[in-house]
């Protein structure tokens, strides 16, 4: 008789269970194209909740700047910002000339400047610089279109005009500092800001804040997708899976990824996969006919569950005895070890 046996204690997974892994292969359309420089990506922190648990304030920035680094010619197309009060903000791309002592003033060479209109994203608009964070402020995406044709290190100076304020993340007391650089490797990175100026603790001070750009839209300069090269795609041959007990083997030596009931098994990429998980499995139930005397007499009833595989391991036994009952459950199993002693020659 075939029965379903359920292992209920997930803390002691049995090796009798079959993980039933699957190997996935990707299918592609037979024809695709690639385009050089046709890249759009996101850089910077995704949102204000990514650091400081969203802690921060709205400030009327004036002359403050962020440090950036680019590895390729690109354009900063857009960015998410959290705006406390509507108005206008001017952004100036420049090369940094250095600090003037410890006064907080600095020199720079402007390369490009743009002013954009912004609207308040804070649920209750306020022009107060230093206003508290608004957890309900979802921010808004604003077009920047700042071209940076030559890779290098730059600053972007932020000037809030009129009554405009913009949000800055601030590390709370005892909180983890912001890990600069925030980078899209090889393309773009936010490397710091002006906090601390030329003071000895400037490196520490700038890690206490992040502003004002989030989810920065990046587009590589050059071809906008007009020149495309045809690419011929092929379909990957599906692997063949064989089973020996609770060990599954792929026909591929490498490139494997094992799954269990559709869930990826982390670090399970070898040629073989040994099933060790709890679950519901098929078993064979035997009801022996008892002809002996004693505790297992003819009036006793027993059922024995065996694994439905080549090993036929007993996973459960239940018996009704004249003086009570007996229940045995398998909690773990391992392959047997056989040691054959070396024969000793007679004297």
Foldseek 3Di string as FASTA:
>chain_A
DKDKDFDDDFVQFALQDALPWFWDWDDDDQKDKDDPLQDKFWFDAADCCSPLNNWWFWAQAAQKKFKKFFQAWWWFFKFWWAKQAWDKKKKWKWAWDAFDPQPLDGDTGTDDMDMDTDHHQAPHHDLDGGHTGRPPRPTDMDTDGHTDHDTGMIMMTMGRPDSIITIKQFRPVPGDFADPFGDPPSGMTGGWICFPPPDPCRVVRRSGIDDGGHRTMMGGPDDNPPDIDMDGDDTDDGWDWDDARQKIFTPDQFPTWIDGPNHTDPPPTGRMDRDRGGGMAMWDKDWDQDPDDDFRHRPKTKIWTFRPHPVRHTAWMWMQTPVGIDIDGDSYDDDDDDDDDDDDDDD
